[in-house]
Amino acid sequence: MKVTLGQNLQTTCVLDGKKPLHTAFNNPREDVNPGEMLAASLGACMMTMVGFMALKHGDNAEGTLVEIVPKLDEKHSRIMGFDLTFEFPASFTPEQKEKYAKLAQGCPVHNSLREDITYHITIK
């Protein structure tokens, strides 16, 4: 991945010549900021883990979603935690929902974040 700094604190990220992804810090902005990108990476990784494990166990997890709200410190200089709300298919039992929410937390992005980051998890 190559990241280039542009005007107004905007960055352009390109991975292997694919479509560029832009980030921005200043408002007004149309692009995501780097902290939002981290939250999106966490969510995408968690959903990939849920999908992979569901296939392995013969379950259909299509439509599962996770809503992620980053919690910042007072200075807005560090993400201190995430509020995560998992919504699983209506066909899932409460036990399946618990199992897949726990499996999601084994994804590589989650495992790479600081150990002192807190996670408040809601399962629907």
N, C-alpha and C. Protein backbone atom coordinates (compact mmCIF):
# COMPACT_ATOMS: atom_id res chain seq x y z
N MET A 1 0.85 -1.17 0.00
CA MET A 1 0.00 0.00 0.00
C MET A 1 0.90 1.23 0.00
N LYS A 2 0.54 2.21 -0.80
CA LYS A 2 1.25 3.48 -0.82
C LYS A 2 0.28 4.57 -0.42
N VAL A 3 0.74 5.46 0.47
CA VAL A 3 -0.10 6.55 0.96
C VAL A 3 0.61 7.86 0.66
N THR A 4 -0.12 8.78 0.01
CA THR A 4 0.44 10.07 -0.36
C THR A 4 -0.34 11.18 0.33
N LEU A 5 0.38 12.14 0.91
CA LEU A 5 -0.25 13.30 1.54
C LEU A 5 -0.54 14.34 0.48
N GLY A 6 -1.77 14.86 0.49
CA GLY A 6 -2.18 15.90 -0.44
C GLY A 6 -2.54 17.17 0.29
N GLN A 7 -3.33 18.01 -0.35
CA GLN A 7 -3.74 19.29 0.24
C GLN A 7 -4.77 19.06 1.34
N ASN A 8 -4.84 20.01 2.27
CA ASN A 8 -5.85 20.03 3.33
C ASN A 8 -5.85 18.74 4.15
N LEU A 9 -4.65 18.17 4.37
CA LEU A 9 -4.47 16.95 5.17
C LEU A 9 -5.20 15.73 4.60
N GLN A 10 -5.47 15.74 3.31
CA GLN A 10 -6.07 14.58 2.66
C GLN A 10 -4.96 13.61 2.26
N THR A 11 -5.23 12.32 2.42
CA THR A 11 -4.30 11.31 1.95
C THR A 11 -4.97 10.48 0.86
N THR A 12 -4.16 9.90 0.02
CA THR A 12 -4.64 8.97 -1.00
C THR A 12 -3.90 7.67 -0.80
N CYS A 13 -4.66 6.61 -0.58
CA CYS A 13 -4.10 5.28 -0.34
C CYS A 13 -4.39 4.41 -1.57
N VAL A 14 -3.35 3.76 -2.07
CA VAL A 14 -3.52 2.87 -3.22
C VAL A 14 -2.84 1.55 -2.91
N LEU A 15 -3.56 0.48 -3.11
CA LEU A 15 -3.03 -0.86 -2.91
C LEU A 15 -2.94 -1.56 -4.25
N ASP A 16 -1.74 -1.86 -4.68
CA ASP A 16 -1.50 -2.61 -5.92
C ASP A 16 -2.26 -2.06 -7.12
N GLY A 17 -2.29 -0.73 -7.27
CA GLY A 17 -2.91 -0.12 -8.44
C GLY A 17 -4.43 -0.14 -8.46
N LYS A 18 -5.05 -0.55 -7.36
CA LYS A 18 -6.52 -0.58 -7.29
C LYS A 18 -7.07 0.83 -7.11
N LYS A 19 -8.37 0.94 -7.08
CA LYS A 19 -9.05 2.23 -6.91
C LYS A 19 -8.55 2.92 -5.63
N PRO A 20 -8.20 4.20 -5.70
CA PRO A 20 -7.67 4.88 -4.51
C PRO A 20 -8.74 5.10 -3.44
N LEU A 21 -8.28 5.09 -2.21
CA LEU A 21 -9.11 5.40 -1.05
C LEU A 21 -8.56 6.69 -0.46
N HIS A 22 -9.44 7.63 -0.20
CA HIS A 22 -9.02 8.92 0.32
C HIS A 22 -9.40 9.05 1.79
N THR A 23 -8.53 9.67 2.56
CA THR A 23 -8.87 10.03 3.94
C THR A 23 -8.69 11.54 4.09
N ALA A 24 -9.34 12.08 5.07
CA ALA A 24 -9.22 13.52 5.34
C ALA A 24 -9.38 13.73 6.83
N PHE A 25 -8.77 14.78 7.33
CA PHE A 25 -8.85 15.10 8.75
C PHE A 25 -9.67 16.35 8.99
N ASN A 26 -9.51 17.35 8.13
CA ASN A 26 -10.19 18.62 8.33
C ASN A 26 -11.65 18.57 7.89
N ASN A 27 -12.48 19.41 8.49
CA ASN A 27 -13.87 19.57 8.09
C ASN A 27 -14.00 20.85 7.29
N PRO A 28 -14.90 21.00 6.36
CA PRO A 28 -15.81 19.93 5.91
C PRO A 28 -15.03 18.90 5.09
N ARG A 29 -15.54 17.70 5.10
CA ARG A 29 -14.86 16.64 4.37
C ARG A 29 -15.88 15.65 3.82
N GLU A 30 -15.49 15.00 2.77
CA GLU A 30 -16.31 13.94 2.19
C GLU A 30 -15.69 12.57 2.46
N ASP A 31 -14.43 12.56 2.88
CA ASP A 31 -13.69 11.32 3.05
C ASP A 31 -13.69 10.89 4.51
N VAL A 32 -13.38 9.62 4.74
CA VAL A 32 -13.26 9.12 6.11
C VAL A 32 -11.96 9.60 6.72
N ASN A 33 -11.93 9.69 8.05
CA ASN A 33 -10.66 10.03 8.70
C ASN A 33 -9.96 8.73 9.08
N PRO A 34 -8.68 8.78 9.39
CA PRO A 34 -7.94 7.55 9.69
C PRO A 34 -8.52 6.73 10.83
N GLY A 35 -9.07 7.39 11.86
CA GLY A 35 -9.69 6.64 12.96
C GLY A 35 -10.92 5.88 12.50
N GLU A 36 -11.70 6.49 11.61
CA GLU A 36 -12.86 5.79 11.05
C GLU A 36 -12.42 4.60 10.19
N MET A 37 -11.29 4.79 9.51
CA MET A 37 -10.75 3.71 8.70
C MET A 37 -10.33 2.53 9.58
N LEU A 38 -9.77 2.83 10.75
CA LEU A 38 -9.41 1.77 11.69
C LEU A 38 -10.66 1.02 12.14
N ALA A 39 -11.71 1.75 12.48
CA ALA A 39 -12.96 1.12 12.90
C ALA A 39 -13.54 0.27 11.77
N ALA A 40 -13.49 0.78 10.54
CA ALA A 40 -13.98 0.03 9.39
C ALA A 40 -13.15 -1.24 9.17
N SER A 41 -11.84 -1.13 9.36
CA SER A 41 -10.97 -2.31 9.22
C SER A 41 -11.31 -3.36 10.27
N LEU A 42 -11.56 -2.92 11.49
CA LEU A 42 -11.95 -3.83 12.56
C LEU A 42 -13.26 -4.53 12.19
N GLY A 43 -14.24 -3.75 11.75
CA GLY A 43 -15.54 -4.33 11.38
C GLY A 43 -15.45 -5.29 10.22
N ALA A 44 -14.70 -4.92 9.18
CA ALA A 44 -14.55 -5.79 8.02
C ALA A 44 -13.85 -7.09 8.40
N CYS A 45 -12.84 -6.98 9.24
CA CYS A 45 -12.11 -8.17 9.68
C CYS A 45 -13.02 -9.07 10.52
N MET A 46 -13.80 -8.48 11.41
CA MET A 46 -14.71 -9.26 12.25
C MET A 46 -15.76 -9.97 11.40
N MET A 47 -16.33 -9.25 10.41
CA MET A 47 -17.35 -9.86 9.57
C MET A 47 -16.76 -10.97 8.70
N THR A 48 -15.52 -10.79 8.25
CA THR A 48 -14.86 -11.85 7.49
C THR A 48 -14.68 -13.08 8.35
N MET A 49 -14.29 -12.89 9.61
CA MET A 49 -14.13 -14.01 10.53
C MET A 49 -15.46 -14.71 10.77
N VAL A 50 -16.52 -13.94 10.98
CA VAL A 50 -17.85 -14.53 11.18
C VAL A 50 -18.24 -15.35 9.96
N GLY A 51 -18.07 -14.77 8.77
CA GLY A 51 -18.43 -15.48 7.55
C GLY A 51 -17.63 -16.75 7.35
N PHE A 52 -16.33 -16.67 7.58
CA PHE A 52 -15.45 -17.84 7.44
C PHE A 52 -15.86 -18.95 8.40
N MET A 53 -16.07 -18.60 9.66
CA MET A 53 -16.42 -19.60 10.65
C MET A 53 -17.82 -20.16 10.42
N ALA A 54 -18.75 -19.32 9.95
CA ALA A 54 -20.11 -19.81 9.66
C ALA A 54 -20.06 -20.83 8.53
N LEU A 55 -19.29 -20.55 7.48
CA LEU A 55 -19.14 -21.53 6.40
C LEU A 55 -18.58 -22.84 6.93
N LYS A 56 -17.59 -22.73 7.78
CA LYS A 56 -16.94 -23.92 8.36
C LYS A 56 -17.92 -24.76 9.18
N HIS A 57 -18.88 -24.07 9.86
CA HIS A 57 -19.85 -24.77 10.70
C HIS A 57 -21.18 -25.04 9.99
N GLY A 58 -21.26 -24.71 8.70
CA GLY A 58 -22.48 -24.99 7.95
C GLY A 58 -23.62 -24.02 8.22
N ASP A 59 -23.31 -22.82 8.74
CA ASP A 59 -24.34 -21.80 9.00
C ASP A 59 -24.28 -20.72 7.92
N ASN A 60 -25.40 -20.08 7.68
CA ASN A 60 -25.45 -18.97 6.73
C ASN A 60 -25.52 -17.67 7.51
N ALA A 61 -24.41 -16.93 7.51
CA ALA A 61 -24.33 -15.68 8.28
C ALA A 61 -24.53 -14.45 7.39
N GLU A 62 -24.96 -14.65 6.14
CA GLU A 62 -25.17 -13.52 5.25
C GLU A 62 -26.13 -12.53 5.87
N GLY A 63 -25.80 -11.24 5.76
CA GLY A 63 -26.64 -10.20 6.34
C GLY A 63 -26.23 -9.78 7.74
N THR A 64 -25.32 -10.55 8.35
CA THR A 64 -24.81 -10.16 9.67
C THR A 64 -24.12 -8.80 9.54
N LEU A 65 -24.31 -7.96 10.53
CA LEU A 65 -23.62 -6.67 10.51
C LEU A 65 -23.11 -6.33 11.90
N VAL A 66 -22.13 -5.46 11.91
CA VAL A 66 -21.63 -4.93 13.17
C VAL A 66 -21.58 -3.41 13.03
N GLU A 67 -22.16 -2.73 13.99
CA GLU A 67 -22.07 -1.27 14.06
C GLU A 67 -20.96 -0.95 15.05
N ILE A 68 -20.08 -0.04 14.66
CA ILE A 68 -18.90 0.26 15.46
C ILE A 68 -18.86 1.74 15.78
N VAL A 69 -18.74 2.07 17.06
CA VAL A 69 -18.59 3.46 17.50
C VAL A 69 -17.29 3.56 18.28
N PRO A 70 -16.28 4.25 17.71
CA PRO A 70 -15.02 4.42 18.44
C PRO A 70 -15.21 5.39 19.60
N LYS A 71 -14.56 5.10 20.71
CA LYS A 71 -14.57 5.97 21.89
C LYS A 71 -13.18 6.57 22.04
N LEU A 72 -13.10 7.91 21.98
CA LEU A 72 -11.82 8.62 22.02
C LEU A 72 -11.55 9.18 23.41
N ASP A 73 -10.26 9.44 23.70
CA ASP A 73 -9.91 10.12 24.95
C ASP A 73 -10.31 11.59 24.86
N GLU A 74 -10.14 12.33 25.96
CA GLU A 74 -10.58 13.74 26.01
C GLU A 74 -9.90 14.61 24.96
N LYS A 75 -8.68 14.29 24.62
CA LYS A 75 -7.92 15.08 23.64
C LYS A 75 -8.18 14.64 22.20
N HIS A 76 -8.96 13.62 22.04
CA HIS A 76 -9.21 13.02 20.72
C HIS A 76 -7.91 12.61 20.05
N SER A 77 -6.96 12.12 20.87
CA SER A 77 -5.67 11.73 20.34
C SER A 77 -5.48 10.21 20.30
N ARG A 78 -6.46 9.47 20.87
CA ARG A 78 -6.32 8.02 20.90
C ARG A 78 -7.69 7.38 21.05
N ILE A 79 -7.87 6.27 20.34
CA ILE A 79 -9.09 5.48 20.51
C ILE A 79 -8.90 4.63 21.77
N MET A 80 -9.80 4.83 22.72
CA MET A 80 -9.72 4.12 24.00
C MET A 80 -10.57 2.84 23.99
N GLY A 81 -11.56 2.80 23.10
CA GLY A 81 -12.44 1.64 23.06
C GLY A 81 -13.39 1.71 21.90
N PHE A 82 -14.18 0.67 21.78
CA PHE A 82 -15.20 0.59 20.74
C PHE A 82 -16.48 0.06 21.34
N ASP A 83 -17.60 0.65 20.94
CA ASP A 83 -18.91 0.07 21.21
C ASP A 83 -19.26 -0.72 19.95
N LEU A 84 -19.52 -2.01 20.11
CA LEU A 84 -19.83 -2.88 18.99
C LEU A 84 -21.23 -3.44 19.17
N THR A 85 -22.07 -3.31 18.14
CA THR A 85 -23.39 -3.91 18.16
C THR A 85 -23.47 -4.89 17.00
N PHE A 86 -23.56 -6.17 17.33
CA PHE A 86 -23.70 -7.21 16.32
C PHE A 86 -25.18 -7.47 16.08
N GLU A 87 -25.55 -7.56 14.81
CA GLU A 87 -26.91 -7.95 14.44
C GLU A 87 -26.81 -9.17 13.53
N PHE A 88 -27.31 -10.28 14.03
CA PHE A 88 -27.23 -11.55 13.31
C PHE A 88 -28.57 -11.86 12.65
N PRO A 89 -28.56 -12.80 11.69
CA PRO A 89 -29.82 -13.19 11.05
C PRO A 89 -30.84 -13.68 12.09
N ALA A 90 -32.10 -13.43 11.81
CA ALA A 90 -33.18 -13.82 12.73
C ALA A 90 -33.20 -15.33 12.96
N SER A 91 -32.68 -16.09 12.01
CA SER A 91 -32.68 -17.55 12.14
C SER A 91 -31.65 -18.07 13.15
N PHE A 92 -30.72 -17.21 13.58
CA PHE A 92 -29.69 -17.64 14.53
C PHE A 92 -30.29 -17.75 15.93
N THR A 93 -29.86 -18.77 16.64
CA THR A 93 -30.26 -18.94 18.03
C THR A 93 -29.42 -17.99 18.89
N PRO A 94 -29.84 -17.72 20.12
CA PRO A 94 -29.01 -16.91 21.02
C PRO A 94 -27.61 -17.51 21.20
N GLU A 95 -27.53 -18.84 21.23
CA GLU A 95 -26.22 -19.50 21.39
C GLU A 95 -25.33 -19.24 20.18
N GLN A 96 -25.90 -19.31 18.98
CA GLN A 96 -25.12 -19.03 17.77
C GLN A 96 -24.64 -17.58 17.76
N LYS A 97 -25.52 -16.68 18.15
CA LYS A 97 -25.14 -15.26 18.17
C LYS A 97 -23.97 -15.02 19.11
N GLU A 98 -24.03 -15.60 20.30
CA GLU A 98 -22.93 -15.47 21.27
C GLU A 98 -21.65 -16.08 20.71
N LYS A 99 -21.78 -17.26 20.12
CA LYS A 99 -20.60 -17.95 19.58
C LYS A 99 -19.92 -17.11 18.51
N TYR A 100 -20.70 -16.58 17.55
CA TYR A 100 -20.09 -15.84 16.45
C TYR A 100 -19.59 -14.46 16.88
N ALA A 101 -20.23 -13.84 17.86
CA ALA A 101 -19.71 -12.57 18.38
C ALA A 101 -18.35 -12.80 19.05
N LYS A 102 -18.22 -13.92 19.74
CA LYS A 102 -16.94 -14.25 20.38
C LYS A 102 -15.89 -14.61 19.33
N LEU A 103 -16.25 -15.37 18.32
CA LEU A 103 -15.32 -15.73 17.26
C LEU A 103 -14.84 -14.49 16.51
N ALA A 104 -15.71 -13.51 16.33
CA ALA A 104 -15.34 -12.28 15.63
C ALA A 104 -14.17 -11.59 16.31
N GLN A 105 -14.12 -11.71 17.63
CA GLN A 105 -13.05 -11.06 18.40
C GLN A 105 -11.70 -11.76 18.26
N GLY A 106 -11.66 -12.81 17.49
CA GLY A 106 -10.41 -13.50 17.21
C GLY A 106 -9.81 -13.09 15.88
N CYS A 107 -10.35 -12.05 15.26
CA CYS A 107 -9.84 -11.63 13.95
C CYS A 107 -8.48 -10.95 14.10
N PRO A 108 -7.67 -10.96 13.05
CA PRO A 108 -6.32 -10.39 13.12
C PRO A 108 -6.27 -8.90 13.49
N VAL A 109 -7.21 -8.10 13.03
CA VAL A 109 -7.18 -6.68 13.38
C VAL A 109 -7.43 -6.52 14.88
N HIS A 110 -8.44 -7.19 15.40
CA HIS A 110 -8.73 -7.13 16.84
C HIS A 110 -7.50 -7.57 17.63
N ASN A 111 -6.87 -8.64 17.20
CA ASN A 111 -5.70 -9.17 17.92
C ASN A 111 -4.48 -8.27 17.80
N SER A 112 -4.48 -7.34 16.86
CA SER A 112 -3.34 -6.45 16.66
C SER A 112 -3.47 -5.13 17.41
N LEU A 113 -4.66 -4.81 17.90
CA LEU A 113 -4.87 -3.55 18.62
C LEU A 113 -4.36 -3.67 20.05
N ARG A 114 -4.11 -2.53 20.66
CA ARG A 114 -3.60 -2.51 22.03
C ARG A 114 -4.50 -3.29 22.96
N GLU A 115 -3.89 -3.94 23.93
CA GLU A 115 -4.64 -4.75 24.89
C GLU A 115 -5.49 -3.92 25.84
N ASP A 116 -5.17 -2.63 26.00
CA ASP A 116 -5.95 -1.80 26.92
C ASP A 116 -7.15 -1.13 26.26
N ILE A 117 -7.40 -1.42 25.00
CA ILE A 117 -8.61 -0.93 24.35
C ILE A 117 -9.78 -1.74 24.89
N THR A 118 -10.85 -1.05 25.24
CA THR A 118 -12.03 -1.73 25.79
C THR A 118 -13.08 -1.95 24.69
N TYR A 119 -13.86 -2.98 24.87
CA TYR A 119 -14.92 -3.32 23.92
C TYR A 119 -16.21 -3.52 24.68
N HIS A 120 -17.23 -2.73 24.33
CA HIS A 120 -18.56 -2.92 24.89
C HIS A 120 -19.38 -3.56 23.79
N ILE A 121 -19.85 -4.78 24.03
CA ILE A 121 -20.50 -5.56 22.97
C ILE A 121 -21.96 -5.76 23.28
N THR A 122 -22.79 -5.47 22.28
CA THR A 122 -24.23 -5.72 22.33
C THR A 122 -24.55 -6.69 21.20
N ILE A 123 -25.39 -7.68 21.49
CA ILE A 123 -25.74 -8.68 20.48
C ILE A 123 -27.25 -8.65 20.27
N LYS A 124 -27.62 -8.53 19.02
CA LYS A 124 -29.06 -8.53 18.66
C LYS A 124 -29.35 -9.71 17.76
